[in-house]
Amino acid sequence: MMLASSNALKSSAMYIGYLILKEIQKQEAGKISIYDVSKALKKAGITSSRQLILGLSFLYSVNIVEFEEANIWVKEISRIRLNRLYSESNIF
């Protein structure tokens, strides 16, 4: 369990990764532009490009996303796991 203040949690790589995954899930194509992710994070109050990089680095290091040039997508095996997680819990 992660215990932290609200501000510390909202700037953590895990939370930002969650926001990125949530935005990818909204896209029907399964891919999203890094510019669209940046806009979504700005709406959530995350304005630093450093936080965007931390969130992407976290998702890449746990083998959930791939990216090429300006596009980000969830790996297929990770997509299956995430769909199962989304359907089993009310967290997301």
PDB file of N, CA and C in Angstrom:
ATOM      1  N   MET A   1       0.836  -1.167   0.000  1.00  0.00           N
ATOM      2  CA  MET A   1       0.000   0.000   0.000  1.00  0.00           C
ATOM      3  C   MET A   1       0.885   1.235   0.000  1.00  0.00           C
ATOM      4  N   MET A   2       0.529   2.192  -0.809  1.00  0.00           N
ATOM      5  CA  MET A   2       1.309   3.412  -0.902  1.00  0.00           C
ATOM      6  C   MET A   2       0.682   4.479  -0.019  1.00  0.00           C
ATOM      7  N   LEU A   3       1.435   4.939   0.957  1.00  0.00           N
ATOM      8  CA  LEU A   3       0.963   6.003   1.826  1.00  0.00           C
ATOM      9  C   LEU A   3       1.711   7.273   1.488  1.00  0.00           C
ATOM     10  N   ALA A   4       0.959   8.292   1.111  1.00  0.00           N
ATOM     11  CA  ALA A   4       1.588   9.556   0.736  1.00  0.00           C
ATOM     12  C   ALA A   4       0.539  10.647   0.794  1.00  0.00           C
ATOM     13  N   SER A   5       1.007  11.859   0.776  1.00  0.00           N
ATOM     14  CA  SER A   5       0.067  12.975   0.734  1.00  0.00           C
ATOM     15  C   SER A   5      -0.590  13.037  -0.641  1.00  0.00           C
ATOM     16  N   SER A   6      -1.667  13.754  -0.726  1.00  0.00           N
ATOM     17  CA  SER A   6      -2.412  13.855  -1.972  1.00  0.00           C
ATOM     18  C   SER A   6      -1.562  14.437  -3.101  1.00  0.00           C
ATOM     19  N   ASN A   7      -0.786  15.476  -2.795  1.00  0.00           N
ATOM     20  CA  ASN A   7       0.058  16.088  -3.828  1.00  0.00           C
ATOM     21  C   ASN A   7       1.164  15.157  -4.278  1.00  0.00           C
ATOM     22  N   ALA A   8       1.761  14.447  -3.323  1.00  0.00           N
ATOM     23  CA  ALA A   8       2.828  13.518  -3.683  1.00  0.00           C
ATOM     24  C   ALA A   8       2.295  12.377  -4.536  1.00  0.00           C
ATOM     25  N   LEU A   9       1.112  11.917  -4.219  1.00  0.00           N
ATOM     26  CA  LEU A   9       0.518  10.823  -4.980  1.00  0.00           C
ATOM     27  C   LEU A   9       0.189  11.262  -6.404  1.00  0.00           C
ATOM     28  N   LYS A  10      -0.347  12.461  -6.559  1.00  0.00           N
ATOM     29  CA  LYS A  10      -0.733  12.945  -7.881  1.00  0.00           C
ATOM     30  C   LYS A  10       0.455  13.262  -8.773  1.00  0.00           C
ATOM     31  N   SER A  11       1.632  13.345  -8.197  1.00  0.00           N
ATOM     32  CA  SER A  11       2.817  13.572  -9.020  1.00  0.00           C
ATOM     33  C   SER A  11       3.663  12.305  -9.145  1.00  0.00           C
ATOM     34  N   SER A  12       3.148  11.177  -8.659  1.00  0.00           N
ATOM     35  CA  SER A  12       3.904   9.927  -8.739  1.00  0.00           C
ATOM     36  C   SER A  12       3.825   9.331 -10.141  1.00  0.00           C
ATOM     37  N   ALA A  13       4.821   8.563 -10.492  1.00  0.00           N
ATOM     38  CA  ALA A  13       4.881   7.934 -11.815  1.00  0.00           C
ATOM     39  C   ALA A  13       3.714   6.966 -12.011  1.00  0.00           C
ATOM     40  N   MET A  14       3.308   6.275 -10.945  1.00  0.00           N
ATOM     41  CA  MET A  14       2.203   5.324 -11.054  1.00  0.00           C
ATOM     42  C   MET A  14       0.887   6.024 -11.382  1.00  0.00           C
ATOM     43  N   TYR A  15       0.607   7.124 -10.703  1.00  0.00           N
ATOM     44  CA  TYR A  15      -0.644   7.850 -10.942  1.00  0.00           C
ATOM     45  C   TYR A  15      -0.657   8.450 -12.345  1.00  0.00           C
ATOM     46  N   ILE A  16       0.446   9.020 -12.750  1.00  0.00           N
ATOM     47  CA  ILE A  16       0.525   9.599 -14.093  1.00  0.00           C
ATOM     48  C   ILE A  16       0.399   8.500 -15.145  1.00  0.00           C
ATOM     49  N   GLY A  17       1.002   7.344 -14.884  1.00  0.00           N
ATOM     50  CA  GLY A  17       0.840   6.197 -15.775  1.00  0.00           C
ATOM     51  C   GLY A  17      -0.610   5.773 -15.880  1.00  0.00           C
ATOM     52  N   TYR A  18      -1.305   5.794 -14.741  1.00  0.00           N
ATOM     53  CA  TYR A  18      -2.741   5.472 -14.732  1.00  0.00           C
ATOM     54  C   TYR A  18      -3.510   6.439 -15.615  1.00  0.00           C
ATOM     55  N   LEU A  19      -3.214   7.733 -15.500  1.00  0.00           N
ATOM     56  CA  LEU A  19      -3.897   8.731 -16.326  1.00  0.00           C
ATOM     57  C   LEU A  19      -3.619   8.511 -17.811  1.00  0.00           C
ATOM     58  N   ILE A  20      -2.385   8.144 -18.123  1.00  0.00           N
ATOM     59  CA  ILE A  20      -2.019   7.877 -19.524  1.00  0.00           C
ATOM     60  C   ILE A  20      -2.788   6.664 -20.043  1.00  0.00           C
ATOM     61  N   LEU A  21      -2.850   5.597 -19.250  1.00  0.00           N
ATOM     62  CA  LEU A  21      -3.591   4.401 -19.665  1.00  0.00           C
ATOM     63  C   LEU A  21      -5.074   4.703 -19.834  1.00  0.00           C
ATOM     64  N   LYS A  22      -5.612   5.511 -18.946  1.00  0.00           N
ATOM     65  CA  LYS A  22      -7.014   5.884 -19.044  1.00  0.00           C
ATOM     66  C   LYS A  22      -7.287   6.638 -20.339  1.00  0.00           C
ATOM     67  N   GLU A  23      -6.365   7.492 -20.731  1.00  0.00           N
ATOM     68  CA  GLU A  23      -6.528   8.254 -21.968  1.00  0.00           C
ATOM     69  C   GLU A  23      -6.377   7.348 -23.190  1.00  0.00           C
ATOM     70  N   ILE A  24      -5.451   6.391 -23.151  1.00  0.00           N
ATOM     71  CA  ILE A  24      -5.303   5.446 -24.264  1.00  0.00           C
ATOM     72  C   ILE A  24      -6.569   4.615 -24.413  1.00  0.00           C
ATOM     73  N   GLN A  25      -7.152   4.232 -23.281  1.00  0.00           N
ATOM     74  CA  GLN A  25      -8.369   3.417 -23.314  1.00  0.00           C
ATOM     75  C   GLN A  25      -9.523   4.164 -23.991  1.00  0.00           C
ATOM     76  N   LYS A  26      -9.563   5.468 -23.875  1.00  0.00           N
ATOM     77  CA  LYS A  26     -10.622   6.264 -24.499  1.00  0.00           C
ATOM     78  C   LYS A  26     -10.515   6.267 -26.022  1.00  0.00           C
ATOM     79  N   GLN A  27      -9.310   6.054 -26.544  1.00  0.00           N
ATOM     80  CA  GLN A  27      -9.093   6.081 -27.989  1.00  0.00           C
ATOM     81  C   GLN A  27      -9.551   4.768 -28.609  1.00  0.00           C
ATOM     82  N   GLU A  28     -10.320   4.839 -29.652  1.00  0.00           N
ATOM     83  CA  GLU A  28     -10.800   3.639 -30.324  1.00  0.00           C
ATOM     84  C   GLU A  28      -9.707   2.950 -31.124  1.00  0.00           C
ATOM     85  N   ALA A  29      -8.753   3.704 -31.594  1.00  0.00           N
ATOM     86  CA  ALA A  29      -7.693   3.143 -32.426  1.00  0.00           C
ATOM     87  C   ALA A  29      -6.665   2.369 -31.597  1.00  0.00           C
ATOM     88  N   GLY A  30      -6.624   2.608 -30.306  1.00  0.00           N
ATOM     89  CA  GLY A  30      -5.645   1.922 -29.472  1.00  0.00           C
ATOM     90  C   GLY A  30      -4.307   2.627 -29.425  1.00  0.00           C
ATOM     91  N   LYS A  31      -4.138   3.635 -30.242  1.00  0.00           N
ATOM     92  CA  LYS A  31      -2.922   4.455 -30.239  1.00  0.00           C
ATOM     93  C   LYS A  31      -3.307   5.868 -29.861  1.00  0.00           C
ATOM     94  N   ILE A  32      -2.350   6.562 -29.290  1.00  0.00           N
ATOM     95  CA  ILE A  32      -2.592   7.953 -28.945  1.00  0.00           C
ATOM     96  C   ILE A  32      -1.322   8.742 -29.193  1.00  0.00           C
ATOM     97  N   SER A  33      -1.494   9.957 -29.578  1.00  0.00           N
ATOM     98  CA  SER A  33      -0.359  10.841 -29.794  1.00  0.00           C
ATOM     99  C   SER A  33       0.125  11.375 -28.453  1.00  0.00           C
ATOM    100  N   ILE A  34       1.411  11.576 -28.332  1.00  0.00           N
ATOM    101  CA  ILE A  34       1.965  12.123 -27.105  1.00  0.00           C
ATOM    102  C   ILE A  34       1.412  13.517 -26.842  1.00  0.00           C
ATOM    103  N   TYR A  35       1.027  14.218 -27.897  1.00  0.00           N
ATOM    104  CA  TYR A  35       0.447  15.548 -27.752  1.00  0.00           C
ATOM    105  C   TYR A  35      -0.937  15.468 -27.104  1.00  0.00           C
ATOM    106  N   ASP A  36      -1.708  14.446 -27.481  1.00  0.00           N
ATOM    107  CA  ASP A  36      -3.019  14.249 -26.858  1.00  0.00           C
ATOM    108  C   ASP A  36      -2.872  13.856 -25.390  1.00  0.00           C
ATOM    109  N   VAL A  37      -1.869  13.052 -25.096  1.00  0.00           N
ATOM    110  CA  VAL A  37      -1.609  12.677 -23.707  1.00  0.00           C
ATOM    111  C   VAL A  37      -1.243  13.912 -22.901  1.00  0.00           C
ATOM    112  N   SER A  38      -0.420  14.754 -23.463  1.00  0.00           N
ATOM    113  CA  SER A  38      -0.019  15.981 -22.787  1.00  0.00           C
ATOM    114  C   SER A  38      -1.223  16.868 -22.491  1.00  0.00           C
ATOM    115  N   LYS A  39      -2.137  16.982 -23.448  1.00  0.00           N
ATOM    116  CA  LYS A  39      -3.350  17.783 -23.238  1.00  0.00           C
ATOM    117  C   LYS A  39      -4.208  17.196 -22.113  1.00  0.00           C
ATOM    118  N   ALA A  40      -4.336  15.863 -22.096  1.00  0.00           N
ATOM    119  CA  ALA A  40      -5.134  15.209 -21.056  1.00  0.00           C
ATOM    120  C   ALA A  40      -4.508  15.398 -19.678  1.00  0.00           C
ATOM    121  N   LEU A  41      -3.186  15.330 -19.613  1.00  0.00           N
ATOM    122  CA  LEU A  41      -2.515  15.533 -18.335  1.00  0.00           C
ATOM    123  C   LEU A  41      -2.655  16.976 -17.865  1.00  0.00           C
ATOM    124  N   LYS A  42      -2.634  17.914 -18.791  1.00  0.00           N
ATOM    125  CA  LYS A  42      -2.828  19.317 -18.418  1.00  0.00           C
ATOM    126  C   LYS A  42      -4.215  19.540 -17.826  1.00  0.00           C
ATOM    127  N   LYS A  43      -5.220  18.850 -18.384  1.00  0.00           N
ATOM    128  CA  LYS A  43      -6.572  18.942 -17.830  1.00  0.00           C
ATOM    129  C   LYS A  43      -6.619  18.383 -16.416  1.00  0.00           C
ATOM    130  N   ALA A  44      -5.765  17.411 -16.119  1.00  0.00           N
ATOM    131  CA  ALA A  44      -5.707  16.806 -14.785  1.00  0.00           C
ATOM    132  C   ALA A  44      -4.801  17.594 -13.843  1.00  0.00           C
ATOM    133  N   GLY A  45      -4.244  18.699 -14.319  1.00  0.00           N
ATOM    134  CA  GLY A  45      -3.411  19.544 -13.479  1.00  0.00           C
ATOM    135  C   GLY A  45      -1.938  19.204 -13.483  1.00  0.00           C
ATOM    136  N   ILE A  46      -1.522  18.363 -14.427  1.00  0.00           N
ATOM    137  CA  ILE A  46      -0.115  17.967 -14.535  1.00  0.00           C
ATOM    138  C   ILE A  46       0.461  18.692 -15.740  1.00  0.00           C
ATOM    139  N   THR A  47       1.290  19.696 -15.477  1.00  0.00           N
ATOM    140  CA  THR A  47       1.759  20.562 -16.556  1.00  0.00           C
ATOM    141  C   THR A  47       3.226  20.361 -16.916  1.00  0.00           C
ATOM    142  N   SER A  48       3.959  19.632 -16.100  1.00  0.00           N
ATOM    143  CA  SER A  48       5.387  19.464 -16.327  1.00  0.00           C
ATOM    144  C   SER A  48       5.669  18.329 -17.311  1.00  0.00           C
ATOM    145  N   SER A  49       6.538  18.607 -18.268  1.00  0.00           N
ATOM    146  CA  SER A  49       6.923  17.548 -19.213  1.00  0.00           C
ATOM    147  C   SER A  49       7.716  16.455 -18.504  1.00  0.00           C
ATOM    148  N   ARG A  50       8.371  16.809 -17.412  1.00  0.00           N
ATOM    149  CA  ARG A  50       9.113  15.820 -16.627  1.00  0.00           C
ATOM    150  C   ARG A  50       8.170  14.745 -16.078  1.00  0.00           C
ATOM    151  N   GLN A  51       6.997  15.150 -15.637  1.00  0.00           N
ATOM    152  CA  GLN A  51       6.032  14.190 -15.113  1.00  0.00           C
ATOM    153  C   GLN A  51       5.502  13.283 -16.221  1.00  0.00           C
ATOM    154  N   LEU A  52       5.322  13.827 -17.412  1.00  0.00           N
ATOM    155  CA  LEU A  52       4.906  13.017 -18.560  1.00  0.00           C
ATOM    156  C   LEU A  52       5.951  11.950 -18.848  1.00  0.00           C
ATOM    157  N   ILE A  53       7.208  12.339 -18.850  1.00  0.00           N
ATOM    158  CA  ILE A  53       8.299  11.390 -19.103  1.00  0.00           C
ATOM    159  C   ILE A  53       8.364  10.335 -18.004  1.00  0.00           C
ATOM    160  N   LEU A  54       8.176  10.734 -16.743  1.00  0.00           N
ATOM    161  CA  LEU A  54       8.179   9.767 -15.643  1.00  0.00           C
ATOM    162  C   LEU A  54       7.063   8.746 -15.797  1.00  0.00           C
ATOM    163  N   GLY A  55       5.865   9.214 -16.149  1.00  0.00           N
ATOM    164  CA  GLY A  55       4.741   8.300 -16.349  1.00  0.00           C
ATOM    165  C   GLY A  55       4.979   7.332 -17.494  1.00  0.00           C
ATOM    166  N   LEU A  56       5.480   7.839 -18.606  1.00  0.00           N
ATOM    167  CA  LEU A  56       5.784   6.963 -19.753  1.00  0.00           C
ATOM    168  C   LEU A  56       6.908   5.986 -19.424  1.00  0.00           C
ATOM    169  N   SER A  57       7.918   6.463 -18.725  1.00  0.00           N
ATOM    170  CA  SER A  57       9.039   5.588 -18.345  1.00  0.00           C
ATOM    171  C   SER A  57       8.563   4.471 -17.433  1.00  0.00           C
ATOM    172  N   PHE A  58       7.679   4.802 -16.507  1.00  0.00           N
ATOM    173  CA  PHE A  58       7.125   3.774 -15.619  1.00  0.00           C
ATOM    174  C   PHE A  58       6.366   2.717 -16.416  1.00  0.00           C
ATOM    175  N   LEU A  59       5.470   3.152 -17.303  1.00  0.00           N
ATOM    176  CA  LEU A  59       4.680   2.202 -18.095  1.00  0.00           C
ATOM    177  C   LEU A  59       5.563   1.359 -18.996  1.00  0.00           C
ATOM    178  N   TYR A  60       6.608   1.946 -19.550  1.00  0.00           N
ATOM    179  CA  TYR A  60       7.527   1.203 -20.410  1.00  0.00           C
ATOM    180  C   TYR A  60       8.348   0.207 -19.588  1.00  0.00           C
ATOM    181  N   SER A  61       8.761   0.610 -18.392  1.00  0.00           N
ATOM    182  CA  SER A  61       9.605  -0.270 -17.579  1.00  0.00           C
ATOM    183  C   SER A  61       8.852  -1.482 -17.048  1.00  0.00           C
ATOM    184  N   VAL A  62       7.544  -1.370 -16.877  1.00  0.00           N
ATOM    185  CA  VAL A  62       6.754  -2.524 -16.443  1.00  0.00           C
ATOM    186  C   VAL A  62       6.120  -3.241 -17.630  1.00  0.00           C
ATOM    187  N   ASN A  63       6.605  -2.907 -18.830  1.00  0.00           N
ATOM    188  CA  ASN A  63       6.266  -3.629 -20.056  1.00  0.00           C
ATOM    189  C   ASN A  63       4.775  -3.535 -20.429  1.00  0.00           C
ATOM    190  N   ILE A  64       4.200  -2.356 -20.245  1.00  0.00           N
ATOM    191  CA  ILE A  64       2.793  -2.162 -20.585  1.00  0.00           C
ATOM    192  C   ILE A  64       2.630  -1.434 -21.909  1.00  0.00           C
ATOM    193  N   VAL A  65       3.458  -0.429 -22.166  1.00  0.00           N
ATOM    194  CA  VAL A  65       3.305   0.356 -23.391  1.00  0.00           C
ATOM    195  C   VAL A  65       4.539   0.267 -24.273  1.00  0.00           C
ATOM    196  N   GLU A  66       4.311   0.581 -25.507  1.00  0.00           N
ATOM    197  CA  GLU A  66       5.366   0.773 -26.495  1.00  0.00           C
ATOM    198  C   GLU A  66       5.140   2.146 -27.094  1.00  0.00           C
ATOM    199  N   PHE A  67       6.171   2.723 -27.615  1.00  0.00           N
ATOM    200  CA  PHE A  67       5.994   3.979 -28.324  1.00  0.00           C
ATOM    201  C   PHE A  67       7.003   4.086 -29.439  1.00  0.00           C
ATOM    202  N   GLU A  68       6.584   4.792 -30.465  1.00  0.00           N
ATOM    203  CA  GLU A  68       7.432   5.045 -31.622  1.00  0.00           C
ATOM    204  C   GLU A  68       7.077   6.430 -32.137  1.00  0.00           C
ATOM    205  N   GLU A  69       8.099   7.229 -32.305  1.00  0.00           N
ATOM    206  CA  GLU A  69       7.912   8.619 -32.703  1.00  0.00           C
ATOM    207  C   GLU A  69       6.937   9.284 -31.735  1.00  0.00           C
ATOM    208  N   ALA A  70       5.808   9.785 -32.205  1.00  0.00           N
ATOM    209  CA  ALA A  70       4.887  10.510 -31.330  1.00  0.00           C
ATOM    210  C   ALA A  70       3.693   9.666 -30.885  1.00  0.00           C
ATOM    211  N   ASN A  71       3.697   8.363 -31.191  1.00  0.00           N
ATOM    212  CA  ASN A  71       2.560   7.496 -30.858  1.00  0.00           C
ATOM    213  C   ASN A  71       2.873   6.563 -29.703  1.00  0.00           C
ATOM    214  N   ILE A  72       1.853   6.348 -28.872  1.00  0.00           N
ATOM    215  CA  ILE A  72       1.958   5.461 -27.719  1.00  0.00           C
ATOM    216  C   ILE A  72       0.816   4.463 -27.825  1.00  0.00           C
ATOM    217  N   TRP A  73       1.079   3.191 -27.514  1.00  0.00           N
ATOM    218  CA  TRP A  73       0.029   2.185 -27.496  1.00  0.00           C
ATOM    219  C   TRP A  73       0.333   1.153 -26.428  1.00  0.00           C
ATOM    220  N   VAL A  74      -0.725   0.447 -26.012  1.00  0.00           N
ATOM    221  CA  VAL A  74      -0.588  -0.623 -25.025  1.00  0.00           C
ATOM    222  C   VAL A  74      -0.232  -1.890 -25.766  1.00  0.00           C
ATOM    223  N   LYS A  75       0.760  -2.617 -25.242  1.00  0.00           N
ATOM    224  CA  LYS A  75       1.134  -3.895 -25.852  1.00  0.00           C
ATOM    225  C   LYS A  75      -0.049  -4.854 -25.781  1.00  0.00           C
ATOM    226  N   GLU A  76      -0.144  -5.761 -26.727  1.00  0.00           N
ATOM    227  CA  GLU A  76      -1.300  -6.648 -26.828  1.00  0.00           C
ATOM    228  C   GLU A  76      -1.486  -7.505 -25.572  1.00  0.00           C
ATOM    229  N   ILE A  77      -0.434  -8.121 -25.082  1.00  0.00           N
ATOM    230  CA  ILE A  77      -0.566  -8.967 -23.890  1.00  0.00           C
ATOM    231  C   ILE A  77      -0.958  -8.126 -22.681  1.00  0.00           C
ATOM    232  N   SER A  78      -0.449  -6.922 -22.605  1.00  0.00           N
ATOM    233  CA  SER A  78      -0.815  -6.019 -21.518  1.00  0.00           C
ATOM    234  C   SER A  78      -2.264  -5.575 -21.653  1.00  0.00           C
ATOM    235  N   ARG A  79      -2.724  -5.405 -22.885  1.00  0.00           N
ATOM    236  CA  ARG A  79      -4.115  -5.007 -23.120  1.00  0.00           C
ATOM    237  C   ARG A  79      -5.068  -6.063 -22.569  1.00  0.00           C
ATOM    238  N   ILE A  80      -4.749  -7.322 -22.761  1.00  0.00           N
ATOM    239  CA  ILE A  80      -5.590  -8.406 -22.251  1.00  0.00           C
ATOM    240  C   ILE A  80      -5.623  -8.352 -20.727  1.00  0.00           C
ATOM    241  N   ARG A  81      -4.464  -8.196 -20.099  1.00  0.00           N
ATOM    242  CA  ARG A  81      -4.400  -8.106 -18.644  1.00  0.00           C
ATOM    243  C   ARG A  81      -5.149  -6.890 -18.125  1.00  0.00           C
ATOM    244  N   LEU A  82      -4.989  -5.751 -18.775  1.00  0.00           N
ATOM    245  CA  LEU A  82      -5.659  -4.531 -18.324  1.00  0.00           C
ATOM    246  C   LEU A  82      -7.172  -4.643 -18.476  1.00  0.00           C
ATOM    247  N   ASN A  83      -7.643  -5.228 -19.564  1.00  0.00           N
ATOM    248  CA  ASN A  83      -9.083  -5.409 -19.743  1.00  0.00           C
ATOM    249  C   ASN A  83      -9.649  -6.294 -18.647  1.00  0.00           C
ATOM    250  N   ARG A  84      -8.928  -7.335 -18.283  1.00  0.00           N
ATOM    251  CA  ARG A  84      -9.359  -8.213 -17.204  1.00  0.00           C
ATOM    252  C   ARG A  84      -9.396  -7.447 -15.880  1.00  0.00           C
ATOM    253  N   LEU A  85      -8.379  -6.639 -15.643  1.00  0.00           N
ATOM    254  CA  LEU A  85      -8.324  -5.849 -14.420  1.00  0.00           C
ATOM    255  C   LEU A  85      -9.456  -4.836 -14.370  1.00  0.00           C
ATOM    256  N   TYR A  86      -9.729  -4.166 -15.487  1.00  0.00           N
ATOM    257  CA  TYR A  86     -10.805  -3.191 -15.547  1.00  0.00           C
ATOM    258  C   TYR A  86     -12.154  -3.848 -15.256  1.00  0.00           C
ATOM    259  N   SER A  87     -12.352  -5.056 -15.791  1.00  0.00           N
ATOM    260  CA  SER A  87     -13.639  -5.719 -15.617  1.00  0.00           C
ATOM    261  C   SER A  87     -13.809  -6.292 -14.208  1.00  0.00           C
ATOM    262  N   GLU A  88     -12.713  -6.626 -13.528  1.00  0.00           N
ATOM    263  CA  GLU A  88     -12.813  -7.240 -12.195  1.00  0.00           C
ATOM    264  C   GLU A  88     -12.875  -6.230 -11.065  1.00  0.00           C
ATOM    265  N   SER A  89     -12.511  -4.997 -11.321  1.00  0.00           N
ATOM    266  CA  SER A  89     -12.476  -4.024 -10.226  1.00  0.00           C
ATOM    267  C   SER A  89     -13.240  -2.761 -10.594  1.00  0.00           C
ATOM    268  N   ASN A  90     -13.563  -2.023  -9.599  1.00  0.00           N
ATOM    269  CA  ASN A  90     -14.245  -0.740  -9.802  1.00  0.00           C
ATOM    270  C   ASN A  90     -13.286   0.414  -9.602  1.00  0.00           C
ATOM    271  N   ILE A  91     -11.987   0.136  -9.561  1.00  0.00           N
ATOM    272  CA  ILE A  91     -10.993   1.173  -9.345  1.00  0.00           C
ATOM    273  C   ILE A  91     -10.962   2.129 -10.512  1.00  0.00           C
ATOM    274  N   PHE A  92     -11.041   1.606 -11.721  1.00  0.00           N
ATOM    275  CA  PHE A  92     -10.894   2.420 -12.916  1.00  0.00           C
ATOM    276  C   PHE A  92     -12.237   2.840 -13.395  1.00  0.00           C
TER     277      PHE A  92
END
